[in-house]
Amino acid sequence: MFAERRNRGYTLYSAQSGALVARLRPTGWGDRFEVLSWSLWENRWASTGPFGRTVLSIDDALRFIAYEDIFWVLT
């Protein structure tokens, strides 16, 4: 995976295919980031949590992205 700073956050891409993987948006609460996935339905970045926003520390966010299938559908 590699990251690119864009607008108000970081877009993560697959190192193998270059496909979008996830988006990390700083929340302003210390080291917390909102984790977003690309929505084919809405054609935009969307919240990933079942009840709204998923906000995690950077380590937890990267671990979450690595193990959740939703982030790897497009790769």
PDB file of N, CA and C in Angstrom:
ATOM      1  N   MET A   1       0.840  -1.165   0.000  1.00  0.00           N
ATOM      2  CA  MET A   1       0.000   0.000   0.000  1.00  0.00           C
ATOM      3  C   MET A   1       0.892   1.237   0.000  1.00  0.00           C
ATOM      4  N   PHE A   2       0.435   2.297  -0.662  1.00  0.00           N
ATOM      5  CA  PHE A   2       1.118   3.581  -0.560  1.00  0.00           C
ATOM      6  C   PHE A   2       0.065   4.668  -0.385  1.00  0.00           C
ATOM      7  N   ALA A   3       0.498   5.796   0.163  1.00  0.00           N
ATOM      8  CA  ALA A   3      -0.436   6.876   0.507  1.00  0.00           C
ATOM      9  C   ALA A   3      -0.083   8.147  -0.257  1.00  0.00           C
ATOM     10  N   GLU A   4      -1.123   8.944  -0.502  1.00  0.00           N
ATOM     11  CA  GLU A   4      -0.962  10.239  -1.138  1.00  0.00           C
ATOM     12  C   GLU A   4      -1.802  11.249  -0.373  1.00  0.00           C
ATOM     13  N   ARG A   5      -1.193  12.359  -0.012  1.00  0.00           N
ATOM     14  CA  ARG A   5      -1.936  13.415   0.680  1.00  0.00           C
ATOM     15  C   ARG A   5      -2.810  14.126  -0.345  1.00  0.00           C
ATOM     16  N   ARG A   6      -4.106  14.184  -0.071  1.00  0.00           N
ATOM     17  CA  ARG A   6      -5.053  14.845  -0.966  1.00  0.00           C
ATOM     18  C   ARG A   6      -6.084  15.568  -0.122  1.00  0.00           C
ATOM     19  N   ASN A   7      -6.382  16.798  -0.512  1.00  0.00           N
ATOM     20  CA  ASN A   7      -7.382  17.609   0.187  1.00  0.00           C
ATOM     21  C   ASN A   7      -7.172  17.574   1.690  1.00  0.00           C
ATOM     22  N   ARG A   8      -8.124  17.052   2.450  1.00  0.00           N
ATOM     23  CA  ARG A   8      -8.047  17.069   3.914  1.00  0.00           C
ATOM     24  C   ARG A   8      -7.699  15.711   4.495  1.00  0.00           C
ATOM     25  N   GLY A   9      -6.992  14.862   3.741  1.00  0.00           N
ATOM     26  CA  GLY A   9      -6.677  13.545   4.265  1.00  0.00           C
ATOM     27  C   GLY A   9      -5.660  12.814   3.422  1.00  0.00           C
ATOM     28  N   TYR A  10      -5.680  11.486   3.522  1.00  0.00           N
ATOM     29  CA  TYR A  10      -4.732  10.637   2.834  1.00  0.00           C
ATOM     30  C   TYR A  10      -5.484   9.541   2.091  1.00  0.00           C
ATOM     31  N   THR A  11      -5.161   9.380   0.817  1.00  0.00           N
ATOM     32  CA  THR A  11      -5.743   8.314   0.023  1.00  0.00           C
ATOM     33  C   THR A  11      -4.735   7.181  -0.042  1.00  0.00           C
ATOM     34  N   LEU A  12      -5.189   5.958   0.254  1.00  0.00           N
ATOM     35  CA  LEU A  12      -4.331   4.784   0.223  1.00  0.00           C
ATOM     36  C   LEU A  12      -4.625   3.990  -1.038  1.00  0.00           C
ATOM     37  N   TYR A  13      -3.562   3.533  -1.694  1.00  0.00           N
ATOM     38  CA  TYR A  13      -3.666   2.777  -2.935  1.00  0.00           C
ATOM     39  C   TYR A  13      -2.985   1.426  -2.782  1.00  0.00           C
ATOM     40  N   SER A  14      -3.400   0.458  -3.576  1.00  0.00           N
ATOM     41  CA  SER A  14      -2.738  -0.835  -3.636  1.00  0.00           C
ATOM     42  C   SER A  14      -1.400  -0.656  -4.339  1.00  0.00           C
ATOM     43  N   ALA A  15      -0.326  -1.166  -3.750  1.00  0.00           N
ATOM     44  CA  ALA A  15       0.999  -1.068  -4.366  1.00  0.00           C
ATOM     45  C   ALA A  15       1.076  -1.923  -5.625  1.00  0.00           C
ATOM     46  N   GLN A  16       0.307  -3.010  -5.677  1.00  0.00           N
ATOM     47  CA  GLN A  16       0.351  -3.914  -6.830  1.00  0.00           C
ATOM     48  C   GLN A  16      -0.427  -3.376  -8.021  1.00  0.00           C
ATOM     49  N   SER A  17      -1.652  -2.926  -7.795  1.00  0.00           N
ATOM     50  CA  SER A  17      -2.517  -2.536  -8.917  1.00  0.00           C
ATOM     51  C   SER A  17      -2.707  -1.029  -9.056  1.00  0.00           C
ATOM     52  N   GLY A  18      -2.420  -0.277  -8.001  1.00  0.00           N
ATOM     53  CA  GLY A  18      -2.668   1.162  -8.024  1.00  0.00           C
ATOM     54  C   GLY A  18      -4.124   1.531  -7.750  1.00  0.00           C
ATOM     55  N   ALA A  19      -4.965   0.521  -7.446  1.00  0.00           N
ATOM     56  CA  ALA A  19      -6.386   0.752  -7.185  1.00  0.00           C
ATOM     57  C   ALA A  19      -6.598   1.441  -5.832  1.00  0.00           C
ATOM     58  N   LEU A  20      -7.684   2.189  -5.718  1.00  0.00           N
ATOM     59  CA  LEU A  20      -8.052   2.816  -4.451  1.00  0.00           C
ATOM     60  C   LEU A  20      -8.291   1.743  -3.398  1.00  0.00           C
ATOM     61  N   VAL A  21      -7.798   1.979  -2.194  1.00  0.00           N
ATOM     62  CA  VAL A  21      -8.031   1.051  -1.088  1.00  0.00           C
ATOM     63  C   VAL A  21      -8.878   1.711  -0.013  1.00  0.00           C
ATOM     64  N   ALA A  22      -8.442   2.870   0.481  1.00  0.00           N
ATOM     65  CA  ALA A  22      -9.151   3.529   1.583  1.00  0.00           C
ATOM     66  C   ALA A  22      -8.766   4.999   1.629  1.00  0.00           C
ATOM     67  N   ARG A  23      -9.472   5.713   2.480  1.00  0.00           N
ATOM     68  CA  ARG A  23      -9.178   7.130   2.718  1.00  0.00           C
ATOM     69  C   ARG A  23      -9.136   7.340   4.212  1.00  0.00           C
ATOM     70  N   LEU A  24      -8.113   8.048   4.677  1.00  0.00           N
ATOM     71  CA  LEU A  24      -7.976   8.406   6.090  1.00  0.00           C
ATOM     72  C   LEU A  24      -8.107   9.914   6.200  1.00  0.00           C
ATOM     73  N   ARG A  25      -9.057  10.351   7.005  1.00  0.00           N
ATOM     74  CA  ARG A  25      -9.290  11.779   7.197  1.00  0.00           C
ATOM     75  C   ARG A  25      -9.068  12.120   8.668  1.00  0.00           C
ATOM     76  N   PRO A  26      -8.087  13.001   8.983  1.00  0.00           N
ATOM     77  CA  PRO A  26      -7.872  13.390  10.383  1.00  0.00           C
ATOM     78  C   PRO A  26      -9.129  14.013  10.972  1.00  0.00           C
ATOM     79  N   THR A  27      -9.418  13.676  12.231  1.00  0.00           N
ATOM     80  CA  THR A  27     -10.622  14.197  12.882  1.00  0.00           C
ATOM     81  C   THR A  27     -10.359  15.484  13.653  1.00  0.00           C
ATOM     82  N   GLY A  28      -9.070  15.732  13.950  1.00  0.00           N
ATOM     83  CA  GLY A  28      -8.733  16.874  14.791  1.00  0.00           C
ATOM     84  C   GLY A  28      -8.683  16.503  16.264  1.00  0.00           C
ATOM     85  N   TRP A  29      -8.940  15.234  16.576  1.00  0.00           N
ATOM     86  CA  TRP A  29      -8.897  14.735  17.957  1.00  0.00           C
ATOM     87  C   TRP A  29      -7.623  13.931  18.162  1.00  0.00           C
ATOM     88  N   GLY A  30      -6.502  14.594  18.305  1.00  0.00           N
ATOM     89  CA  GLY A  30      -5.232  13.904  18.510  1.00  0.00           C
ATOM     90  C   GLY A  30      -4.831  13.096  17.291  1.00  0.00           C
ATOM     91  N   ASP A  31      -4.554  11.814  17.513  1.00  0.00           N
ATOM     92  CA  ASP A  31      -4.101  10.951  16.409  1.00  0.00           C
ATOM     93  C   ASP A  31      -5.247  10.136  15.809  1.00  0.00           C
ATOM     94  N   ARG A  32      -6.459  10.611  15.905  1.00  0.00           N
ATOM     95  CA  ARG A  32      -7.635   9.875  15.413  1.00  0.00           C
ATOM     96  C   ARG A  32      -7.930  10.205  13.955  1.00  0.00           C
ATOM     97  N   PHE A  33      -8.314   9.158  13.205  1.00  0.00           N
ATOM     98  CA  PHE A  33      -8.644   9.294  11.792  1.00  0.00           C
ATOM     99  C   PHE A  33      -9.988   8.655  11.505  1.00  0.00           C
ATOM    100  N   GLU A  34     -10.749   9.277  10.626  1.00  0.00           N
ATOM    101  CA  GLU A  34     -11.969   8.653  10.120  1.00  0.00           C
ATOM    102  C   GLU A  34     -11.553   7.763   8.952  1.00  0.00           C
ATOM    103  N   VAL A  35     -12.049   6.535   8.923  1.00  0.00           N
ATOM    104  CA  VAL A  35     -11.718   5.581   7.870  1.00  0.00           C
ATOM    105  C   VAL A  35     -12.879   5.532   6.878  1.00  0.00           C
ATOM    106  N   LEU A  36     -12.569   5.781   5.607  1.00  0.00           N
ATOM    107  CA  LEU A  36     -13.579   5.789   4.557  1.00  0.00           C
ATOM    108  C   LEU A  36     -13.228   4.753   3.491  1.00  0.00           C
ATOM    109  N   SER A  37     -14.258   4.216   2.838  1.00  0.00           N
ATOM    110  CA  SER A  37     -14.046   3.314   1.707  1.00  0.00           C
ATOM    111  C   SER A  37     -14.740   3.911   0.487  1.00  0.00           C
ATOM    112  N   TRP A  38     -14.304   3.489  -0.715  1.00  0.00           N
ATOM    113  CA  TRP A  38     -14.918   4.000  -1.928  1.00  0.00           C
ATOM    114  C   TRP A  38     -16.248   3.295  -2.150  1.00  0.00           C
ATOM    115  N   SER A  39     -17.296   4.061  -2.312  1.00  0.00           N
ATOM    116  CA  SER A  39     -18.625   3.514  -2.544  1.00  0.00           C
ATOM    117  C   SER A  39     -18.934   3.522  -4.034  1.00  0.00           C
ATOM    118  N   LEU A  40     -19.064   2.334  -4.624  1.00  0.00           N
ATOM    119  CA  LEU A  40     -19.459   2.255  -6.028  1.00  0.00           C
ATOM    120  C   LEU A  40     -20.899   2.719  -6.212  1.00  0.00           C
ATOM    121  N   TRP A  41     -21.704   2.524  -5.192  1.00  0.00           N
ATOM    122  CA  TRP A  41     -23.112   2.921  -5.230  1.00  0.00           C
ATOM    123  C   TRP A  41     -23.256   4.450  -5.296  1.00  0.00           C
ATOM    124  N   GLU A  42     -22.508   5.141  -4.430  1.00  0.00           N
ATOM    125  CA  GLU A  42     -22.601   6.603  -4.356  1.00  0.00           C
ATOM    126  C   GLU A  42     -21.542   7.305  -5.193  1.00  0.00           C
ATOM    127  N   ASN A  43     -20.542   6.546  -5.662  1.00  0.00           N
ATOM    128  CA  ASN A  43     -19.428   7.087  -6.442  1.00  0.00           C
ATOM    129  C   ASN A  43     -18.671   8.183  -5.680  1.00  0.00           C
ATOM    130  N   ARG A  44     -18.404   7.887  -4.413  1.00  0.00           N
ATOM    131  CA  ARG A  44     -17.660   8.816  -3.550  1.00  0.00           C
ATOM    132  C   ARG A  44     -17.157   8.054  -2.333  1.00  0.00           C
ATOM    133  N   TRP A  45     -16.311   8.703  -1.544  1.00  0.00           N
ATOM    134  CA  TRP A  45     -15.846   8.110  -0.286  1.00  0.00           C
ATOM    135  C   TRP A  45     -17.000   8.102   0.706  1.00  0.00           C
ATOM    136  N   ALA A  46     -17.152   6.991   1.428  1.00  0.00           N
ATOM    137  CA  ALA A  46     -18.263   6.852   2.372  1.00  0.00           C
ATOM    138  C   ALA A  46     -17.764   6.260   3.688  1.00  0.00           C
ATOM    139  N   SER A  47     -18.486   6.520   4.761  1.00  0.00           N
ATOM    140  CA  SER A  47     -18.162   5.959   6.075  1.00  0.00           C
ATOM    141  C   SER A  47     -18.205   4.441   6.024  1.00  0.00           C
ATOM    142  N   THR A  48     -17.388   3.803   6.842  1.00  0.00           N
ATOM    143  CA  THR A  48     -17.285   2.348   6.808  1.00  0.00           C
ATOM    144  C   THR A  48     -17.993   1.647   7.950  1.00  0.00           C
ATOM    145  N   GLY A  49     -18.283   2.340   9.022  1.00  0.00           N
ATOM    146  CA  GLY A  49     -18.880   1.693  10.183  1.00  0.00           C
ATOM    147  C   GLY A  49     -20.341   1.361   9.990  1.00  0.00           C
ATOM    148  N   PRO A  50     -20.814   0.306  10.656  1.00  0.00           N
ATOM    149  CA  PRO A  50     -22.217  -0.074  10.533  1.00  0.00           C
ATOM    150  C   PRO A  50     -23.166   0.973  11.134  1.00  0.00           C
ATOM    151  N   PHE A  51     -22.635   1.808  12.029  1.00  0.00           N
ATOM    152  CA  PHE A  51     -23.463   2.826  12.684  1.00  0.00           C
ATOM    153  C   PHE A  51     -22.952   4.231  12.396  1.00  0.00           C
ATOM    154  N   GLY A  52     -22.271   4.411  11.275  1.00  0.00           N
ATOM    155  CA  GLY A  52     -21.732   5.725  10.937  1.00  0.00           C
ATOM    156  C   GLY A  52     -20.231   5.712  10.851  1.00  0.00           C
ATOM    157  N   ARG A  53     -19.609   6.741  11.345  1.00  0.00           N
ATOM    158  CA  ARG A  53     -18.170   6.932  11.213  1.00  0.00           C
ATOM    159  C   ARG A  53     -17.360   5.903  12.000  1.00  0.00           C
ATOM    160  N   THR A  54     -16.251   5.477  11.402  1.00  0.00           N
ATOM    161  CA  THR A  54     -15.268   4.652  12.099  1.00  0.00           C
ATOM    162  C   THR A  54     -14.076   5.549  12.375  1.00  0.00           C
ATOM    163  N   VAL A  55     -13.809   5.842  13.655  1.00  0.00           N
ATOM    164  CA  VAL A  55     -12.718   6.721  14.049  1.00  0.00           C
ATOM    165  C   VAL A  55     -11.748   5.914  14.893  1.00  0.00           C
ATOM    166  N   LEU A  56     -10.486   5.859  14.426  1.00  0.00           N
ATOM    167  CA  LEU A  56      -9.471   5.039  15.083  1.00  0.00           C
ATOM    168  C   LEU A  56      -8.130   5.758  15.103  1.00  0.00           C
ATOM    169  N   SER A  57      -7.212   5.251  15.931  1.00  0.00           N
ATOM    170  CA  SER A  57      -5.835   5.737  15.883  1.00  0.00           C
ATOM    171  C   SER A  57      -5.237   5.258  14.560  1.00  0.00           C
ATOM    172  N   ILE A  58      -4.125   5.817  14.144  1.00  0.00           N
ATOM    173  CA  ILE A  58      -3.531   5.446  12.866  1.00  0.00           C
ATOM    174  C   ILE A  58      -3.171   3.959  12.830  1.00  0.00           C
ATOM    175  N   ASP A  59      -2.622   3.414  13.903  1.00  0.00           N
ATOM    176  CA  ASP A  59      -2.272   1.990  13.938  1.00  0.00           C
ATOM    177  C   ASP A  59      -3.503   1.107  13.816  1.00  0.00           C
ATOM    178  N   ASP A  60      -4.545   1.438  14.563  1.00  0.00           N
ATOM    179  CA  ASP A  60      -5.781   0.660  14.501  1.00  0.00           C
ATOM    180  C   ASP A  60      -6.466   0.809  13.139  1.00  0.00           C
ATOM    181  N   ALA A  61      -6.389   2.000  12.560  1.00  0.00           N
ATOM    182  CA  ALA A  61      -6.997   2.228  11.245  1.00  0.00           C
ATOM    183  C   ALA A  61      -6.317   1.375  10.178  1.00  0.00           C
ATOM    184  N   LEU A  62      -4.992   1.325  10.185  1.00  0.00           N
ATOM    185  CA  LEU A  62      -4.271   0.524   9.195  1.00  0.00           C
ATOM    186  C   LEU A  62      -4.534  -0.965   9.393  1.00  0.00           C
ATOM    187  N   ARG A  63      -4.636  -1.393  10.630  1.00  0.00           N
ATOM    188  CA  ARG A  63      -4.959  -2.793  10.928  1.00  0.00           C
ATOM    189  C   ARG A  63      -6.377  -3.122  10.443  1.00  0.00           C
ATOM    190  N   PHE A  64      -7.318  -2.227  10.696  1.00  0.00           N
ATOM    191  CA  PHE A  64      -8.703  -2.381  10.264  1.00  0.00           C
ATOM    192  C   PHE A  64      -8.771  -2.511   8.739  1.00  0.00           C
ATOM    193  N   ILE A  65      -8.072  -1.639   8.034  1.00  0.00           N
ATOM    194  CA  ILE A  65      -8.055  -1.665   6.573  1.00  0.00           C
ATOM    195  C   ILE A  65      -7.448  -2.962   6.051  1.00  0.00           C
ATOM    196  N   ALA A  66      -6.378  -3.414   6.685  1.00  0.00           N
ATOM    197  CA  ALA A  66      -5.691  -4.629   6.228  1.00  0.00           C
ATOM    198  C   ALA A  66      -6.570  -5.874   6.313  1.00  0.00           C
ATOM    199  N   TYR A  67      -7.457  -5.936   7.304  1.00  0.00           N
ATOM    200  CA  TYR A  67      -8.218  -7.161   7.540  1.00  0.00           C
ATOM    201  C   TYR A  67      -9.674  -7.138   7.082  1.00  0.00           C
ATOM    202  N   GLU A  68     -10.189  -5.987   6.682  1.00  0.00           N
ATOM    203  CA  GLU A  68     -11.588  -5.912   6.256  1.00  0.00           C
ATOM    204  C   GLU A  68     -11.699  -6.048   4.733  1.00  0.00           C
ATOM    205  N   ASP A  69     -12.511  -6.965   4.286  1.00  0.00           N
ATOM    206  CA  ASP A  69     -12.669  -7.256   2.853  1.00  0.00           C
ATOM    207  C   ASP A  69     -13.169  -6.066   2.041  1.00  0.00           C
ATOM    208  N   ILE A  70     -13.977  -5.209   2.627  1.00  0.00           N
ATOM    209  CA  ILE A  70     -14.559  -4.100   1.877  1.00  0.00           C
ATOM    210  C   ILE A  70     -13.494  -3.216   1.208  1.00  0.00           C
ATOM    211  N   PHE A  71     -12.312  -3.145   1.792  1.00  0.00           N
ATOM    212  CA  PHE A  71     -11.260  -2.298   1.255  1.00  0.00           C
ATOM    213  C   PHE A  71     -10.531  -2.939   0.079  1.00  0.00           C
ATOM    214  N   TRP A  72     -10.692  -4.219  -0.123  1.00  0.00           N
ATOM    215  CA  TRP A  72      -9.905  -4.949  -1.129  1.00  0.00           C
ATOM    216  C   TRP A  72     -10.744  -5.411  -2.317  1.00  0.00           C
ATOM    217  N   VAL A  73     -12.002  -5.001  -2.397  1.00  0.00           N
ATOM    218  CA  VAL A  73     -12.888  -5.411  -3.483  1.00  0.00           C
ATOM    219  C   VAL A  73     -12.392  -4.879  -4.827  1.00  0.00           C
ATOM    220  N   LEU A  74     -11.943  -3.653  -4.882  1.00  0.00           N
ATOM    221  CA  LEU A  74     -11.538  -3.020  -6.148  1.00  0.00           C
ATOM    222  C   LEU A  74     -10.122  -3.354  -6.568  1.00  0.00           C
ATOM    223  N   THR A  75      -9.342  -3.971  -5.698  1.00  0.00           N
ATOM    224  CA  THR A  75      -7.931  -4.212  -6.024  1.00  0.00           C
ATOM    225  C   THR A  75      -7.765  -5.394  -6.841  1.00  0.00           C
TER     226      THR A  75
END
